[in-house]
Structure formats: C-alpha cells, structure tokens
Protein backbone atom coordinates (compact mmCIF):
# COMPACT_ATOMS: atom_id res chain seq x y z
CA MET A 1 -0.34 -28.26 -4.29
CA LEU A 2 -3.15 -27.70 -1.93
CA HIS A 3 -2.62 -31.03 -0.62
CA LEU A 4 0.79 -29.91 0.54
CA LEU A 5 -0.01 -26.30 1.39
CA PHE A 6 -3.22 -26.77 3.48
CA PRO A 7 -1.68 -29.13 6.14
CA GLN A 8 1.27 -26.76 6.66
CA LEU A 9 -0.78 -23.69 7.15
CA ALA A 10 -3.33 -25.42 9.34
CA ASP A 11 -0.66 -27.04 11.56
CA HIS A 12 1.27 -23.71 11.81
CA LEU A 13 -2.03 -21.93 12.89
CA ARG A 14 -2.96 -24.53 15.33
CA THR A 15 0.50 -24.11 17.08
CA ALA A 16 0.69 -20.39 16.93
CA VAL A 17 -2.89 -19.78 17.89
CA PRO A 18 -4.05 -22.43 20.24
CA THR A 19 -7.34 -20.83 21.05
CA LEU A 20 -8.59 -21.47 17.40
CA GLY A 21 -11.32 -24.17 17.34
CA THR A 22 -12.01 -24.99 13.75
CA ILE A 23 -9.42 -24.78 11.11
CA ASP A 24 -10.46 -26.05 7.71
CA LEU A 25 -10.79 -25.43 3.86
CA ASP A 26 -13.36 -22.97 3.01
CA MET A 27 -16.28 -25.05 1.66
CA ALA A 28 -18.78 -22.38 2.47
CA GLN A 29 -19.38 -23.86 6.01
CA LEU A 30 -20.26 -20.39 7.03
CA ASP A 31 -23.14 -20.24 4.71
CA TYR A 32 -24.85 -23.27 6.03
CA LEU A 33 -25.81 -23.25 9.80
CA ASP A 34 -27.04 -26.70 9.78
CA GLY A 35 -23.79 -28.19 8.23
CA PRO A 36 -22.58 -31.91 9.25
CA GLU A 37 -19.93 -30.65 11.65
CA PRO A 38 -20.75 -27.59 14.06
CA ILE A 39 -18.19 -24.91 13.69
CA GLN A 40 -16.20 -24.32 16.78
CA TYR A 41 -15.41 -20.62 17.16
CA PRO A 42 -13.05 -18.95 16.63
CA ALA A 43 -12.41 -20.45 13.30
CA VAL A 44 -10.31 -20.04 10.35
CA PHE A 45 -11.28 -21.11 6.81
CA ILE A 46 -8.46 -21.25 4.14
CA ASP A 47 -8.97 -20.86 0.39
CA VAL A 48 -6.63 -20.31 -2.68
CA GLU A 49 -8.49 -17.60 -4.74
CA ASP A 50 -6.08 -17.39 -7.74
CA VAL A 51 -2.79 -18.69 -8.85
CA PRO A 52 -1.55 -17.80 -12.37
CA TRP A 53 1.24 -20.23 -13.10
CA SER A 54 4.53 -19.83 -14.99
CA ASP A 55 6.62 -22.41 -16.43
CA LEU A 56 10.14 -22.44 -15.41
CA GLY A 57 11.12 -25.23 -17.52
CA GLU A 58 11.51 -28.96 -17.07
CA GLY A 59 8.06 -29.17 -15.68
CA ILE A 60 8.66 -26.90 -12.74
CA GLN A 61 6.31 -24.17 -12.27
CA SER A 62 5.87 -21.04 -10.12
CA GLY A 63 2.82 -19.06 -9.48
CA ARG A 64 1.98 -15.90 -7.31
CA ALA A 65 -0.82 -17.17 -5.27
CA VAL A 66 -3.68 -15.15 -3.52
CA LEU A 67 -4.66 -16.90 -0.35
CA ARG A 68 -7.72 -16.04 1.78
CA PHE A 69 -8.03 -16.76 5.45
CA THR A 70 -11.59 -16.03 6.84
CA VAL A 71 -11.55 -15.82 10.45
CA ALA A 72 -14.88 -16.19 12.21
CA VAL A 73 -15.49 -15.05 15.78
CA ASP A 74 -18.67 -15.44 17.71
CA VAL A 75 -19.25 -12.15 19.07
CA SER A 76 -22.66 -11.96 20.71
CA GLU A 77 -21.92 -9.32 23.27
CA VAL A 78 -23.00 -5.71 22.76
CA THR A 79 -20.17 -3.35 22.14
CA TYR A 80 -21.60 0.16 22.47
CA GLN A 81 -19.65 2.86 24.73
CA GLY A 82 -20.22 2.05 28.46
CA SER A 83 -21.29 -1.58 27.80
CA GLN A 84 -20.05 -4.16 30.52
CA GLN A 85 -19.39 -6.74 27.68
CA ARG A 86 -17.42 -4.42 25.41
CA SER A 87 -13.86 -5.66 26.66
CA ASP A 88 -14.90 -9.27 26.35
CA ALA A 89 -16.10 -8.59 22.70
CA MET A 90 -12.85 -6.84 21.67
CA GLU A 91 -10.97 -9.82 23.66
CA LYS A 92 -12.48 -12.20 21.20
CA LEU A 93 -11.71 -10.15 18.14
CA GLU A 94 -8.19 -10.03 19.05
CA VAL A 95 -7.88 -13.45 17.46
CA VAL A 96 -8.05 -11.76 14.02
CA GLN A 97 -4.83 -10.00 14.92
CA LEU A 98 -3.13 -13.27 16.27
CA VAL A 99 -3.90 -14.98 13.11
CA HIS A 100 -2.41 -12.16 11.13
CA LYS A 101 0.77 -12.26 13.30
CA ALA A 102 1.06 -16.09 12.80
CA LEU A 103 0.89 -15.86 8.97
CA GLN A 104 2.66 -12.61 8.20
CA HIS A 105 6.07 -13.71 6.46
CA HIS A 106 5.34 -17.34 7.43
CA GLN A 107 6.88 -19.80 4.75
CA GLY A 108 7.19 -23.49 4.18
CA GLU A 109 7.81 -26.15 1.69
CA GLY A 110 6.70 -25.14 -1.72
CA PHE A 111 5.69 -21.62 -0.69
CA GLY A 112 7.44 -18.24 -0.08
CA PRO A 113 6.69 -15.81 2.54
CA LEU A 114 3.08 -14.83 3.04
CA VAL A 115 2.32 -11.05 2.93
CA ARG A 116 -0.88 -9.54 3.81
CA THR A 117 -2.50 -7.65 1.05
CA ALA A 118 -6.29 -7.30 2.11
CA TYR A 119 -8.39 -6.95 5.27
CA ARG A 120 -12.19 -6.88 4.81
CA ARG A 121 -15.51 -7.70 6.52
CA ASP A 122 -17.07 -10.90 5.18
CA ARG A 123 -20.46 -12.26 5.46
CA PRO A 124 -21.83 -9.19 7.36
CA GLN A 125 -25.20 -10.98 7.71
CA HIS A 126 -24.03 -14.09 9.54
CA PRO A 127 -26.07 -14.61 12.45
CA GLU A 128 -23.43 -16.44 14.60
CA ALA A 129 -20.11 -14.83 13.72
CA TRP A 130 -18.07 -11.72 13.06
CA CYS A 131 -16.09 -12.78 9.94
CA ILE A 132 -12.99 -11.04 8.68
CA ALA A 133 -11.32 -12.25 5.36
CA LEU A 134 -7.55 -11.70 5.43
CA GLY A 135 -5.74 -11.99 1.98
CA TYR A 136 -2.27 -12.90 1.56
CA VAL A 137 0.02 -13.44 -1.36
CA THR A 138 2.82 -15.82 -1.66
CA GLN A 139 5.11 -17.43 -4.44
CA LEU A 140 4.19 -21.09 -4.85
CA TYR A 141 6.55 -23.63 -6.39
CA ASP A 142 5.18 -26.88 -7.96
CA HIS A 143 7.73 -29.72 -8.82
CA ASP A 144 5.12 -32.21 -9.44
CA GLY A 145 5.35 -32.06 -13.23
CA ALA A 146 9.21 -32.19 -13.25
CA LYS A 147 10.92 -34.58 -15.36
CA GLU A 148 12.63 -37.32 -13.36
CA TYR A 149 16.16 -38.07 -13.84
CA THR A 150 18.25 -41.03 -12.81
CA GLU A 151 21.80 -40.43 -11.44
CA ALA A 152 24.44 -42.20 -13.35
CA SER A 153 27.15 -43.34 -11.12
CA ASP A 154 30.77 -43.78 -11.81
CA VAL A 155 30.68 -41.53 -14.73
CA GLY A 156 33.43 -38.79 -15.07
CA LEU A 157 32.44 -35.74 -17.14
CA GLN A 158 34.95 -34.91 -19.76
CA ALA A 159 35.43 -31.56 -21.47
CA GLN A 160 33.15 -31.36 -24.48
CA PRO A 161 33.96 -29.65 -27.87
CA GLY A 162 33.21 -26.07 -27.57
CA MET A 163 34.07 -25.87 -23.86
CA ARG A 164 36.75 -23.85 -22.42
CA PRO A 165 39.83 -25.96 -21.83
CA PRO A 166 41.12 -26.22 -18.17
CA VAL A 167 43.69 -23.46 -16.97
CA LEU A 168 47.06 -24.70 -17.19
CA ALA A 169 50.15 -23.74 -15.09
CA ASP A 170 52.05 -20.67 -16.19
CA GLY A 171 54.17 -21.23 -19.36
CA GLU A 172 52.32 -24.32 -20.61
CA ALA A 173 50.62 -24.22 -23.95
CA TYR A 174 46.88 -25.14 -24.60
CA ILE A 175 46.44 -28.05 -26.81
CA LEU A 176 43.27 -27.59 -28.80
CA PRO A 177 41.20 -30.62 -29.75
C-alpha cells in the first residue's frame, strides 16, 4: 500500500509546490541533524499513522487512513513587529499553506480525497526548522489480497434454476423449468 501511495503523493507535491526541496518518507530525519543526506528546506516528510482495515470480501480491503505530512521550513529570521526580516520569514512559512492547497481533496489510485483534520506545531525544539504537522484522512483501497479469476471465453450464461425467466412478449406464457 505505501509503495503505491508514497510515489503518487511525492510526485504530486513536487509538481504542485516546486519550491520544495526534500520530499521523503518520515524516518525521523528531522531528529538527527547529522544524517546521511542533508535536508533541503523547505521539506515535507510523509507518514501513515494509522489504518484500521475492513474486509470488503474476496480479499479486497478498505481502510480509513490517517496520514501526516510534516512540513519543515528553515526560518532563521527574526519575526518581531518592526523587524526588517519579518516579511521574508512569513514568505517562507507560506509553503505550509501551499502544501495544504496541493493536498486538500487530492486523490489518486487506491485512495480517495484527502481531507485535512489536524494542524499542529511539531518538534518545537528543532534548531534548524519550523515544523508543522498536517494531518489528513483518506479512504484507502487495497486489492493486493484479491482472488484472481481467469476469464472464460466463448461461454454463454444460461438462466439458472431459481432465477426469474426472461420477459416474454405480451400474451405469451411462461414455461417453467
């Protein structure tokens, strides 16, 4: 499921918000400043928080998923009233709203429209970035466990016992099996 969901979301964000630097699965990159790859800000980290699944039958499942998109913006400017850097900082923070605009009601293969349900400050102690966690819900559909059926060719379906006979022209009588 994640192997299909993540590329769609990442590609959509890359197209809709071209100013984004890093777009990645959330593997706690923001918790380690000396990671193997430097984070390019602004960044978005995607995580699936919870998916309680329901069986629809025949191996097909559906689940209401909670997704978290952590938007990290490097805001080093001072933002007090009258600061010359305030507008620069607010312009950087605007990327959070651009990410939301790109995600709200976006849908793709295997998932329904995303709807924002949460907005909160995340990792307030982070020395490099202002981090906002955006929560979204969506309905996921997983067909990977579905039974495979092979089509039978040149087979005509006949009425089976217990089925309603075909409608006949006016005045003709039904012949019951």
